[in-house]
C-alpha atoms as a PDB file:
ATOM      1  CA  MET A   1      -7.827  -9.642  27.000  1.00  0.00           C
ATOM      2  CA  SER A   2      -8.728  -6.971  24.567  1.00  0.00           C
ATOM      3  CA  GLN A   3     -12.664  -6.618  23.707  1.00  0.00           C
ATOM      4  CA  GLY A   4     -13.645  -6.995  20.251  1.00  0.00           C
ATOM      5  CA  PRO A   5     -13.740  -4.224  17.975  1.00  0.00           C
ATOM      6  CA  ALA A   6     -16.096  -1.044  18.024  1.00  0.00           C
ATOM      7  CA  LYS A   7     -19.987  -1.959  17.158  1.00  0.00           C
ATOM      8  CA  ASN A   8     -22.110   0.921  15.379  1.00  0.00           C
ATOM      9  CA  PHE A   9     -23.596   2.478  18.207  1.00  0.00           C
ATOM     10  CA  PRO A  10     -21.587   4.750  21.062  1.00  0.00           C
ATOM     11  CA  ARG A  11     -20.674   3.735  24.363  1.00  0.00           C
ATOM     12  CA  VAL A  12     -17.542   4.214  26.633  1.00  0.00           C
ATOM     13  CA  ARG A  13     -15.210   1.160  26.429  1.00  0.00           C
ATOM     14  CA  GLN A  14     -12.230   0.184  28.690  1.00  0.00           C
ATOM     15  CA  VAL A  15     -10.002  -2.361  26.483  1.00  0.00           C
ATOM     16  CA  GLU A  16      -6.463  -3.838  27.809  1.00  0.00           C
ATOM     17  CA  VAL A  17      -3.697  -3.842  25.309  1.00  0.00           C
ATOM     18  CA  SER A  18      -2.406  -7.062  24.517  1.00  0.00           C
ATOM     19  CA  ALA A  19       1.234  -8.101  23.834  1.00  0.00           C
ATOM     20  CA  GLU A  20       0.802  -8.654  19.996  1.00  0.00           C
ATOM     21  CA  GLU A  21      -0.792  -5.012  20.199  1.00  0.00           C
ATOM     22  CA  ALA A  22       2.202  -3.280  21.991  1.00  0.00           C
ATOM     23  CA  GLY A  23       4.322  -0.816  20.596  1.00  0.00           C
ATOM     24  CA  GLN A  24       1.940   0.880  17.990  1.00  0.00           C
ATOM     25  CA  ARG A  25       0.976   4.285  18.144  1.00  0.00           C
ATOM     26  CA  ILE A  26      -2.487   5.188  19.887  1.00  0.00           C
ATOM     27  CA  ASP A  27      -3.826   6.923  17.243  1.00  0.00           C
ATOM     28  CA  ASN A  28      -3.280   3.666  14.950  1.00  0.00           C
ATOM     29  CA  TYR A  29      -4.529   1.197  17.974  1.00  0.00           C
ATOM     30  CA  LEU A  30      -7.424   3.654  18.415  1.00  0.00           C
ATOM     31  CA  ALA A  31      -8.383   3.234  14.257  1.00  0.00           C
ATOM     32  CA  ARG A  32      -8.843  -0.468  14.539  1.00  0.00           C
ATOM     33  CA  TYR A  33     -11.783   0.083  17.464  1.00  0.00           C
ATOM     34  CA  LEU A  34     -13.242   3.188  15.864  1.00  0.00           C
ATOM     35  CA  LYS A  35     -13.674   1.441  12.256  1.00  0.00           C
ATOM     36  CA  GLY A  36     -15.013   4.295   9.803  1.00  0.00           C
ATOM     37  CA  VAL A  37     -14.333   7.109  12.038  1.00  0.00           C
ATOM     38  CA  PRO A  38     -11.710   9.808  10.047  1.00  0.00           C
ATOM     39  CA  LYS A  39      -8.289  10.178  11.575  1.00  0.00           C
ATOM     40  CA  SER A  40      -8.828  13.742  12.163  1.00  0.00           C
ATOM     41  CA  HIS A  41     -11.747  12.883  14.887  1.00  0.00           C
ATOM     42  CA  ILE A  42      -9.361  10.620  16.043  1.00  0.00           C
ATOM     43  CA  TYR A  43      -6.694  13.329  16.617  1.00  0.00           C
ATOM     44  CA  ARG A  44      -9.515  15.545  17.878  1.00  0.00           C
ATOM     45  CA  ILE A  45     -10.509  13.273  20.879  1.00  0.00           C
ATOM     46  CA  LEU A  46      -6.767  12.317  21.886  1.00  0.00           C
ATOM     47  CA  ARG A  47      -6.089  16.569  21.860  1.00  0.00           C
ATOM     48  CA  ARG A  48      -9.531  16.914  23.715  1.00  0.00           C
ATOM     49  CA  GLY A  49      -8.474  14.384  26.699  1.00  0.00           C
ATOM     50  CA  GLU A  50     -11.210  12.255  25.862  1.00  0.00           C
ATOM     51  CA  VAL A  51      -9.233   9.065  25.437  1.00  0.00           C
ATOM     52  CA  ARG A  52      -7.131   8.274  28.551  1.00  0.00           C
ATOM     53  CA  VAL A  53      -4.346   5.610  29.126  1.00  0.00           C
ATOM     54  CA  ASN A  54      -4.114   4.186  32.800  1.00  0.00           C
ATOM     55  CA  SER A  55      -6.377   7.213  33.616  1.00  0.00           C
ATOM     56  CA  GLY A  56      -4.146   9.713  32.439  1.00  0.00           C
ATOM     57  CA  ARG A  57      -4.033  11.832  29.075  1.00  0.00           C
ATOM     58  CA  ILE A  58      -1.791  10.983  26.430  1.00  0.00           C
ATOM     59  CA  ARG A  59      -0.270  12.560  22.750  1.00  0.00           C
ATOM     60  CA  ALA A  60      -1.197  10.989  19.655  1.00  0.00           C
ATOM     61  CA  GLN A  61       2.509   9.675  19.429  1.00  0.00           C
ATOM     62  CA  TYR A  62       2.266   7.818  22.263  1.00  0.00           C
ATOM     63  CA  LYS A  63       3.194   3.947  21.909  1.00  0.00           C
ATOM     64  CA  VAL A  64       0.980   1.660  23.769  1.00  0.00           C
ATOM     65  CA  CYS A  65       2.447  -0.743  25.950  1.00  0.00           C
ATOM     66  CA  ALA A  66       1.090  -4.162  26.979  1.00  0.00           C
ATOM     67  CA  GLY A  67      -1.166  -4.153  29.833  1.00  0.00           C
ATOM     68  CA  ASP A  68      -2.333  -0.394  29.439  1.00  0.00           C
ATOM     69  CA  ARG A  69      -5.872   0.300  30.045  1.00  0.00           C
ATOM     70  CA  VAL A  70      -7.155   2.455  27.365  1.00  0.00           C
ATOM     71  CA  ARG A  71     -10.603   4.458  27.742  1.00  0.00           C
ATOM     72  CA  ILE A  72     -12.186   4.643  24.476  1.00  0.00           C
ATOM     73  CA  PRO A  73     -14.816   7.510  24.604  1.00  0.00           C
ATOM     74  CA  PRO A  74     -18.338   7.307  22.680  1.00  0.00           C
ATOM     75  CA  VAL A  75     -18.195   7.661  19.100  1.00  0.00           C
ATOM     76  CA  ARG A  76     -20.535   6.978  16.349  1.00  0.00           C
ATOM     77  CA  VAL A  77     -18.974   4.646  13.715  1.00  0.00           C
ATOM     78  CA  ALA A  78     -20.002   5.558  10.315  1.00  0.00           C
ATOM     79  CA  THR A  79     -21.235   2.670   8.282  1.00  0.00           C
ATOM     80  CA  PRO A  80     -19.503   2.550   4.622  1.00  0.00           C
ATOM     81  CA  ALA A  81     -21.701   3.259   1.893  1.00  0.00           C
ATOM     82  CA  ALA A  82     -22.940   0.598  -0.243  1.00  0.00           C
ATOM     83  CA  GLY A  83     -20.871   1.608  -3.207  1.00  0.00           C
ATOM     84  CA  ASN A  84     -17.531   1.189  -1.066  1.00  0.00           C
ATOM     85  CA  THR A  85     -18.112  -1.964  -0.027  1.00  0.00           C
ATOM     86  CA  MET A  86     -19.295  -3.854  -2.927  1.00  0.00           C
ATOM     87  CA  PRO A  87     -15.685  -3.672  -4.527  1.00  0.00           C
ATOM     88  CA  MET A  88     -14.089  -4.560  -0.972  1.00  0.00           C
ATOM     89  CA  ARG A  89     -16.132  -7.746  -0.649  1.00  0.00           C
ATOM     90  CA  SER A  90     -14.223  -9.328  -3.654  1.00  0.00           C
ATOM     91  CA  LEU A  91     -10.684  -8.639  -1.667  1.00  0.00           C
ATOM     92  CA  GLU A  92     -11.050 -11.838   0.056  1.00  0.00           C
ATOM     93  CA  ASP A  93     -10.830 -13.606  -3.350  1.00  0.00           C
ATOM     94  CA  CYS A  94      -7.733 -11.831  -4.140  1.00  0.00           C
ATOM     95  CA  ILE A  95      -5.671 -13.475  -1.563  1.00  0.00           C
ATOM     96  CA  LEU A  96      -2.539 -15.178  -2.795  1.00  0.00           C
ATOM     97  CA  PHE A  97      -0.970 -16.492   0.500  1.00  0.00           C
ATOM     98  CA  GLU A  98      -1.770 -16.365   4.126  1.00  0.00           C
ATOM     99  CA  ASN A  99      -0.748 -17.894   7.131  1.00  0.00           C
ATOM    100  CA  SER A 100      -1.293 -17.146  10.968  1.00  0.00           C
ATOM    101  CA  ARG A 101       1.230 -14.117  10.851  1.00  0.00           C
ATOM    102  CA  CYS A 102       0.296 -12.287   7.425  1.00  0.00           C
ATOM    103  CA  LEU A 103      -1.620 -12.216   4.098  1.00  0.00           C
ATOM    104  CA  VAL A 104      -0.465 -11.459   0.707  1.00  0.00           C
ATOM    105  CA  ILE A 105      -3.073  -9.911  -1.837  1.00  0.00           C
ATOM    106  CA  ASN A 106      -3.392  -9.380  -5.561  1.00  0.00           C
ATOM    107  CA  LYS A 107      -4.590  -5.627  -4.887  1.00  0.00           C
ATOM    108  CA  PRO A 108      -6.634  -4.450  -8.004  1.00  0.00           C
ATOM    109  CA  SER A 109      -5.680  -1.009  -9.564  1.00  0.00           C
ATOM    110  CA  GLY A 110      -7.823   1.851  -8.545  1.00  0.00           C
ATOM    111  CA  ILE A 111      -8.241   0.943  -4.736  1.00  0.00           C
ATOM    112  CA  ALA A 112      -6.141   2.501  -2.320  1.00  0.00           C
ATOM    113  CA  VAL A 113      -4.293   0.674   0.309  1.00  0.00           C
ATOM    114  CA  HIS A 114      -5.856   2.987   3.185  1.00  0.00           C
ATOM    115  CA  GLY A 115      -8.359   5.590   3.516  1.00  0.00           C
ATOM    116  CA  GLY A 116      -7.474   9.176   3.261  1.00  0.00           C
ATOM    117  CA  SER A 117      -7.181  12.211   0.773  1.00  0.00           C
ATOM    118  CA  GLY A 118     -11.083  12.171   0.183  1.00  0.00           C
ATOM    119  CA  LEU A 119     -11.115   8.273   0.243  1.00  0.00           C
ATOM    120  CA  SER A 120     -12.959   7.042   3.472  1.00  0.00           C
ATOM    121  CA  TYR A 121     -12.153   3.302   2.793  1.00  0.00           C
ATOM    122  CA  GLY A 122      -8.892   1.269   1.244  1.00  0.00           C
ATOM    123  CA  VAL A 123      -7.761  -2.324   1.455  1.00  0.00           C
ATOM    124  CA  ILE A 124      -6.906  -2.337   5.302  1.00  0.00           C
ATOM    125  CA  GLU A 125     -10.133  -0.887   6.461  1.00  0.00           C
ATOM    126  CA  ALA A 126     -12.062  -3.233   4.238  1.00  0.00           C
ATOM    127  CA  PHE A 127     -10.048  -6.251   5.874  1.00  0.00           C
ATOM    128  CA  ARG A 128     -10.523  -5.075   9.223  1.00  0.00           C
ATOM    129  CA  ALA A 129     -14.226  -4.456   8.471  1.00  0.00           C
ATOM    130  CA  GLY A 130     -14.678  -7.974   7.146  1.00  0.00           C
ATOM    131  CA  ARG A 131     -12.647  -9.644   9.887  1.00  0.00           C
ATOM    132  CA  PRO A 132     -14.000  -7.654  12.820  1.00  0.00           C
ATOM    133  CA  GLN A 133     -12.722 -10.826  15.457  1.00  0.00           C
ATOM    134  CA  ALA A 134      -9.221 -10.350  14.041  1.00  0.00           C
ATOM    135  CA  PRO A 135      -6.941  -9.101  16.997  1.00  0.00           C
ATOM    136  CA  TYR A 136      -4.480  -7.237  14.270  1.00  0.00           C
ATOM    137  CA  LEU A 137      -4.390  -6.213  10.953  1.00  0.00           C
ATOM    138  CA  GLU A 138      -2.060  -3.593   9.762  1.00  0.00           C
ATOM    139  CA  LEU A 139      -0.331  -2.702   6.139  1.00  0.00           C
ATOM    140  CA  ALA A 140       3.391  -4.093   6.056  1.00  0.00           C
ATOM    141  CA  HIS A 141       4.343  -1.793   3.179  1.00  0.00           C
ATOM    142  CA  ARG A 142       2.070   0.200   0.587  1.00  0.00           C
ATOM    143  CA  LEU A 143       1.370   0.236  -3.299  1.00  0.00           C
ATOM    144  CA  ASP A 144      -0.066   3.226  -5.345  1.00  0.00           C
ATOM    145  CA  ARG A 145      -3.753   3.574  -5.681  1.00  0.00           C
ATOM    146  CA  GLU A 146      -3.102   2.940  -9.484  1.00  0.00           C
ATOM    147  CA  THR A 147      -0.719  -0.141  -8.998  1.00  0.00           C
ATOM    148  CA  SER A 148      -1.913  -3.625  -9.018  1.00  0.00           C
ATOM    149  CA  GLY A 149      -0.203  -6.755  -7.704  1.00  0.00           C
ATOM    150  CA  CYS A 150       1.695  -8.035  -4.587  1.00  0.00           C
ATOM    151  CA  LEU A 151       0.466  -6.412  -1.186  1.00  0.00           C
ATOM    152  CA  VAL A 152       1.364  -7.740   2.264  1.00  0.00           C
ATOM    153  CA  LEU A 153      -0.828  -7.177   5.101  1.00  0.00           C
ATOM    154  CA  ALA A 154       0.619  -8.046   8.530  1.00  0.00           C
ATOM    155  CA  LYS A 155      -1.636 -10.398  11.139  1.00  0.00           C
ATOM    156  CA  ARG A 156       0.643 -10.151  14.216  1.00  0.00           C
ATOM    157  CA  ARG A 157       2.748  -7.291  15.280  1.00  0.00           C
ATOM    158  CA  SER A 158       5.989  -9.126  15.568  1.00  0.00           C
ATOM    159  CA  PHE A 159       5.593 -10.055  12.095  1.00  0.00           C
ATOM    160  CA  LEU A 160       5.216  -6.194  10.774  1.00  0.00           C
ATOM    161  CA  ARG A 161       8.454  -5.535  12.518  1.00  0.00           C
ATOM    162  CA  ALA A 162      10.807  -8.289  11.189  1.00  0.00           C
ATOM    163  CA  PHE A 163       8.980  -7.453   7.620  1.00  0.00           C
ATOM    164  CA  GLN A 164       9.870  -3.327   8.132  1.00  0.00           C
ATOM    165  CA  GLU A 165      13.219  -4.334   9.078  1.00  0.00           C
ATOM    166  CA  GLN A 166      13.533  -6.498   6.058  1.00  0.00           C
ATOM    167  CA  LEU A 167      12.526  -3.551   4.051  1.00  0.00           C
ATOM    168  CA  ARG A 168      15.351  -1.486   5.560  1.00  0.00           C
ATOM    169  CA  GLN A 169      17.836  -3.503   4.992  1.00  0.00           C
ATOM    170  CA  GLY A 170      16.739  -4.122   1.477  1.00  0.00           C
ATOM    171  CA  GLU A 171      16.220  -8.147   1.990  1.00  0.00           C
ATOM    172  CA  VAL A 172      12.523  -8.058   0.412  1.00  0.00           C
ATOM    173  CA  VAL A 173      12.551  -8.800  -3.155  1.00  0.00           C
ATOM    174  CA  LYS A 174      10.280  -6.844  -5.171  1.00  0.00           C
ATOM    175  CA  HIS A 175      10.011  -7.126  -9.169  1.00  0.00           C
ATOM    176  CA  TYR A 176       7.209  -5.230 -10.989  1.00  0.00           C
ATOM    177  CA  LEU A 177       6.116  -5.109 -14.582  1.00  0.00           C
ATOM    178  CA  ALA A 178       5.805  -2.299 -16.612  1.00  0.00           C
ATOM    179  CA  LEU A 179       5.201  -0.878 -19.719  1.00  0.00           C
ATOM    180  CA  VAL A 180       7.267   2.236 -20.929  1.00  0.00           C
ATOM    181  CA  SER A 181       7.252   4.345 -23.811  1.00  0.00           C
ATOM    182  CA  GLY A 182       9.910   4.290 -26.361  1.00  0.00           C
ATOM    183  CA  ALA A 183      12.430   1.731 -27.813  1.00  0.00           C
ATOM    184  CA  TRP A 184      14.641   0.406 -25.138  1.00  0.00           C
ATOM    185  CA  LYS A 185      18.283   0.553 -26.177  1.00  0.00           C
ATOM    186  CA  GLY A 186      20.813  -2.048 -24.725  1.00  0.00           C
ATOM    187  CA  GLY A 187      20.157  -4.575 -21.936  1.00  0.00           C
ATOM    188  CA  THR A 188      19.741  -4.015 -17.861  1.00  0.00           C
ATOM    189  CA  GLN A 189      20.066  -0.633 -16.392  1.00  0.00           C
ATOM    190  CA  THR A 190      20.334   0.637 -12.931  1.00  0.00           C
ATOM    191  CA  VAL A 191      19.119   3.868 -12.228  1.00  0.00           C
ATOM    192  CA  LYS A 192      20.254   5.662  -8.990  1.00  0.00           C
ATOM    193  CA  ALA A 193      18.284   8.786  -8.682  1.00  0.00           C
ATOM    194  CA  PRO A 194      17.633  10.581  -5.522  1.00  0.00           C
ATOM    195  CA  LEU A 195      13.570  11.446  -5.107  1.00  0.00           C
ATOM    196  CA  ARG A 196      12.067  14.032  -3.343  1.00  0.00           C
ATOM    197  CA  LYS A 197       8.333  14.699  -2.466  1.00  0.00           C
ATOM    198  CA  ASN A 198       6.716  18.072  -3.550  1.00  0.00           C
ATOM    199  CA  LEU A 199       3.433  19.373  -2.362  1.00  0.00           C
ATOM    200  CA  LEU A 200       1.840  21.496  -5.632  1.00  0.00           C
ATOM    201  CA  ARG A 201      -1.179  23.815  -5.536  1.00  0.00           C
ATOM    202  CA  GLY A 202      -4.167  22.112  -4.844  1.00  0.00           C
ATOM    203  CA  GLY A 203      -2.616  19.808  -2.276  1.00  0.00           C
ATOM    204  CA  GLU A 204      -1.238  17.233  -5.251  1.00  0.00           C
ATOM    205  CA  ARG A 205       1.884  15.396  -4.053  1.00  0.00           C
ATOM    206  CA  MET A 206       4.572  15.132  -6.861  1.00  0.00           C
ATOM    207  CA  VAL A 207       7.833  13.385  -6.601  1.00  0.00           C
ATOM    208  CA  THR A 208      10.903  15.011  -8.495  1.00  0.00           C
ATOM    209  CA  VAL A 209      14.681  13.759  -8.939  1.00  0.00           C
ATOM    210  CA  ASP A 210      16.515  16.167  -6.737  1.00  0.00           C
ATOM    211  CA  GLU A 211      20.002  15.869  -5.254  1.00  0.00           C
ATOM    212  CA  THR A 212      18.620  16.727  -1.620  1.00  0.00           C
ATOM    213  CA  GLY A 213      16.268  14.015  -1.773  1.00  0.00           C
ATOM    214  CA  LYS A 214      16.188  10.213  -0.392  1.00  0.00           C
ATOM    215  CA  GLN A 215      18.533   7.649  -2.099  1.00  0.00           C
ATOM    216  CA  ALA A 216      16.466   5.463  -4.535  1.00  0.00           C
ATOM    217  CA  THR A 217      17.679   2.646  -6.857  1.00  0.00           C
ATOM    218  CA  SER A 218      15.904   0.972  -9.717  1.00  0.00           C
ATOM    219  CA  VAL A 219      16.913  -1.721 -11.767  1.00  0.00           C
ATOM    220  CA  PHE A 220      15.092  -2.117 -15.153  1.00  0.00           C
ATOM    221  CA  LYS A 221      15.402  -4.985 -17.271  1.00  0.00           C
ATOM    222  CA  PRO A 222      13.827  -5.440 -20.914  1.00  0.00           C
ATOM    223  CA  VAL A 223      11.366  -8.205 -21.199  1.00  0.00           C
ATOM    224  CA  THR A 224       9.930  -7.613 -24.568  1.00  0.00           C
ATOM    225  CA  ARG A 225      10.522  -4.734 -27.294  1.00  0.00           C
ATOM    226  CA  PHE A 226       7.386  -3.529 -29.220  1.00  0.00           C
ATOM    227  CA  GLY A 227       9.197  -0.579 -31.076  1.00  0.00           C
ATOM    228  CA  ALA A 228       7.104   2.264 -29.559  1.00  0.00           C
ATOM    229  CA  ALA A 229       6.869   0.508 -26.320  1.00  0.00           C
ATOM    230  CA  THR A 230       8.976  -1.865 -24.210  1.00  0.00           C
ATOM    231  CA  LEU A 231       7.706  -4.222 -21.511  1.00  0.00           C
ATOM    232  CA  VAL A 232      10.140  -3.899 -18.626  1.00  0.00           C
ATOM    233  CA  GLU A 233      10.713  -5.796 -15.429  1.00  0.00           C
ATOM    234  CA  VAL A 234      11.832  -3.467 -12.694  1.00  0.00           C
ATOM    235  CA  GLU A 235      13.620  -4.652  -9.313  1.00  0.00           C
ATOM    236  CA  LEU A 236      13.036  -2.138  -6.420  1.00  0.00           C
ATOM    237  CA  LYS A 237      16.226  -1.672  -4.161  1.00  0.00           C
ATOM    238  CA  THR A 238      14.552   1.071  -2.340  1.00  0.00           C
ATOM    239  CA  GLY A 239      11.007   2.019  -2.074  1.00  0.00           C
ATOM    240  CA  ARG A 240      10.028   5.317  -2.333  1.00  0.00           C
ATOM    241  CA  THR A 241       7.050   7.109  -3.398  1.00  0.00           C
ATOM    242  CA  HIS A 242       6.441   6.638  -6.877  1.00  0.00           C
ATOM    243  CA  GLN A 243       9.866   5.508  -7.712  1.00  0.00           C
ATOM    244  CA  ILE A 244       9.327   3.070 -10.792  1.00  0.00           C
ATOM    245  CA  ARG A 245       7.084   5.896 -12.349  1.00  0.00           C
ATOM    246  CA  VAL A 246       9.907   8.978 -11.618  1.00  0.00           C
ATOM    247  CA  HIS A 247      12.777   7.049 -12.676  1.00  0.00           C
ATOM    248  CA  GLY A 248      11.245   5.877 -15.801  1.00  0.00           C
ATOM    249  CA  ALA A 249      10.392   9.078 -16.793  1.00  0.00           C
ATOM    250  CA  HIS A 250      13.986  10.351 -15.571  1.00  0.00           C
ATOM    251  CA  ILE A 251      15.474   8.072 -18.049  1.00  0.00           C
ATOM    252  CA  GLY A 252      13.328   8.980 -20.911  1.00  0.00           C
ATOM    253  CA  HIS A 253      10.911   5.962 -20.738  1.00  0.00           C
ATOM    254  CA  PRO A 254       7.771   7.095 -18.971  1.00  0.00           C
ATOM    255  CA  LEU A 255       5.057   4.517 -17.879  1.00  0.00           C
ATOM    256  CA  ALA A 256       2.085   3.808 -19.945  1.00  0.00           C
ATOM    257  CA  GLY A 257      -1.187   5.336 -18.614  1.00  0.00           C
ATOM    258  CA  ASP A 258       0.581   7.611 -16.041  1.00  0.00           C
ATOM    259  CA  GLU A 259      -1.085  10.678 -16.103  1.00  0.00           C
ATOM    260  CA  LYS A 260       1.224  12.443 -13.669  1.00  0.00           C
ATOM    261  CA  TYR A 261       4.345  11.850 -14.994  1.00  0.00           C
ATOM    262  CA  GLY A 262       3.821  10.038 -18.289  1.00  0.00           C
ATOM    263  CA  ASP A 263       3.683  11.482 -21.755  1.00  0.00           C
ATOM    264  CA  PRO A 264       0.224  12.396 -23.012  1.00  0.00           C
ATOM    265  CA  VAL A 265       0.930  11.513 -26.732  1.00  0.00           C
ATOM    266  CA  PHE A 266       2.266   7.850 -25.858  1.00  0.00           C
ATOM    267  CA  ASN A 267      -1.035   7.564 -23.179  1.00  0.00           C
ATOM    268  CA  ARG A 268      -3.479   8.366 -25.798  1.00  0.00           C
ATOM    269  CA  GLN A 269      -1.868   5.574 -27.987  1.00  0.00           C
ATOM    270  CA  MET A 270      -2.214   3.187 -25.547  1.00  0.00           C
ATOM    271  CA  LYS A 271      -5.598   4.267 -24.871  1.00  0.00           C
ATOM    272  CA  HIS A 272      -6.726   3.490 -28.231  1.00  0.00           C
ATOM    273  CA  LEU A 273      -5.141  -0.390 -27.462  1.00  0.00           C
ATOM    274  CA  GLY A 274      -7.439  -0.445 -24.342  1.00  0.00           C
ATOM    275  CA  LEU A 275      -5.433   0.794 -21.477  1.00  0.00           C
ATOM    276  CA  ARG A 276      -7.407   2.146 -19.113  1.00  0.00           C
ATOM    277  CA  ARG A 277      -4.715   2.432 -16.185  1.00  0.00           C
ATOM    278  CA  LEU A 278      -1.477   3.038 -15.343  1.00  0.00           C
ATOM    279  CA  LEU A 279       0.576  -0.410 -16.462  1.00  0.00           C
ATOM    280  CA  LEU A 280       2.558  -1.172 -13.385  1.00  0.00           C
ATOM    281  CA  HIS A 281       1.870  -4.635 -11.706  1.00  0.00           C
ATOM    282  CA  ALA A 282       3.891  -6.006  -8.751  1.00  0.00           C
ATOM    283  CA  HIS A 283       4.050  -9.538  -9.939  1.00  0.00           C
ATOM    284  CA  TYR A 284       7.117 -10.838  -7.565  1.00  0.00           C
ATOM    285  CA  LEU A 285       7.380 -10.723  -3.916  1.00  0.00           C
ATOM    286  CA  GLU A 286       9.971 -12.668  -1.678  1.00  0.00           C
ATOM    287  CA  PHE A 287      10.405 -11.961   2.176  1.00  0.00           C
ATOM    288  CA  ALA A 288      11.286 -14.248   5.171  1.00  0.00           C
ATOM    289  CA  ASP A 289       8.632 -15.121   7.947  1.00  0.00           C
ATOM    290  CA  THR A 290      11.424 -15.436  10.624  1.00  0.00           C
ATOM    291  CA  ALA A 291       8.993 -16.923  12.967  1.00  0.00           C
ATOM    292  CA  GLU A 292       8.187 -19.831  10.443  1.00  0.00           C
ATOM    293  CA  GLY A 293      11.522 -20.289   9.618  1.00  0.00           C
ATOM    294  CA  GLU A 294      10.879 -20.170   5.902  1.00  0.00           C
ATOM    295  CA  ARG A 295      11.150 -17.691   2.993  1.00  0.00           C
ATOM    296  CA  ILE A 296       8.079 -16.869   1.361  1.00  0.00           C
ATOM    297  CA  THR A 297       7.535 -16.370  -2.691  1.00  0.00           C
ATOM    298  CA  VAL A 298       4.527 -15.146  -4.119  1.00  0.00           C
ATOM    299  CA  SER A 299       3.773 -14.098  -7.862  1.00  0.00           C
ATOM    300  CA  VAL A 300       0.814 -13.042  -9.635  1.00  0.00           C
ATOM    301  CA  PRO A 301       0.625 -12.619 -13.651  1.00  0.00           C
ATOM    302  CA  LEU A 302      -0.558  -9.548 -15.430  1.00  0.00           C
ATOM    303  CA  GLY A 303      -4.412  -9.495 -15.323  1.00  0.00           C
ATOM    304  CA  ASP A 304      -6.569 -10.287 -18.428  1.00  0.00           C
ATOM    305  CA  GLU A 305      -6.987  -6.375 -19.444  1.00  0.00           C
ATOM    306  CA  LEU A 306      -3.408  -5.958 -19.440  1.00  0.00           C
ATOM    307  CA  LYS A 307      -2.503  -9.290 -21.017  1.00  0.00           C
ATOM    308  CA  ALA A 308      -4.918  -7.784 -23.852  1.00  0.00           C
ATOM    309  CA  VAL A 309      -2.835  -4.422 -24.068  1.00  0.00           C
ATOM    310  CA  ILE A 310       0.246  -6.627 -24.552  1.00  0.00           C
ATOM    311  CA  ASP A 311      -1.220  -8.839 -27.378  1.00  0.00           C
ATOM    312  CA  ARG A 312      -2.452  -6.017 -29.475  1.00  0.00           C
ATOM    313  CA  LEU A 313       1.042  -4.324 -29.134  1.00  0.00           C
ATOM    314  CA  GLU A 314       2.468  -7.726 -30.424  1.00  0.00           C
ATOM    315  CA  SER A 315       0.076  -8.183 -33.344  1.00  0.00           C
ATOM    316  CA  PRO A 316       1.491  -7.017 -36.615  1.00  0.00           C
END
């Protein structure tokens, strides 16, 4: 049996990997027990050999097996600052669906799904801290920090494997609502444009349409036309980084509030209407929970802030 996750004082611990925990990389396994410890420090103690599995040294790529005995060295765990934890406490109120194997939340805009890139805390760290007795919690997929809406967390390793296989097979249905610039001409438009990640100066990540990139497909369907803007529903057939934002800009309809790929003039116009964020919302999700033998559908409408912007666009 595994012991409970880390407390805020350093001590050597020996924990046994359960069958549910088996199959994950040792760095991810350690992150659950060393809440608040940066990944860089976890890699450091792995390189130094301070972490042992069955009394032997291992690399960060090692995947733990059921029954492994893991030595976790004494590491002082940072307590998140009050400013980080306050918005996270309300995440429990954002739960849209939960069973024994997974949960789906309505992720607020502005909160990252995980720590990193200068952020010590994200959705997954918040849930692990708020549910210290949970044997397993992992992100099943990701949303951009600026994007709101349906986000799935796995409560069982078996669910995570099954969900990610559905993602690979294109069996997870994902629909988004987005406000884009310009008057949409015609009906549904399927965009097939390969995407490639690039790193610019300062470490900023950008994604570009590039024939050498990974295949990506988005289906845009107009919902409401406002003349200078259009509310569209987008179905993702693939799940590449920034896919909707880059595909929208690629076809001449950049997203409202997109500071990275958007139109600055259009963004200023939307700001005058009260838009203070990217208008991209994951409003519908459908997937199978194979162990429970059911197909789960979750939907969540636009929040009040975004509805207010749409209402102002509809006003004469």
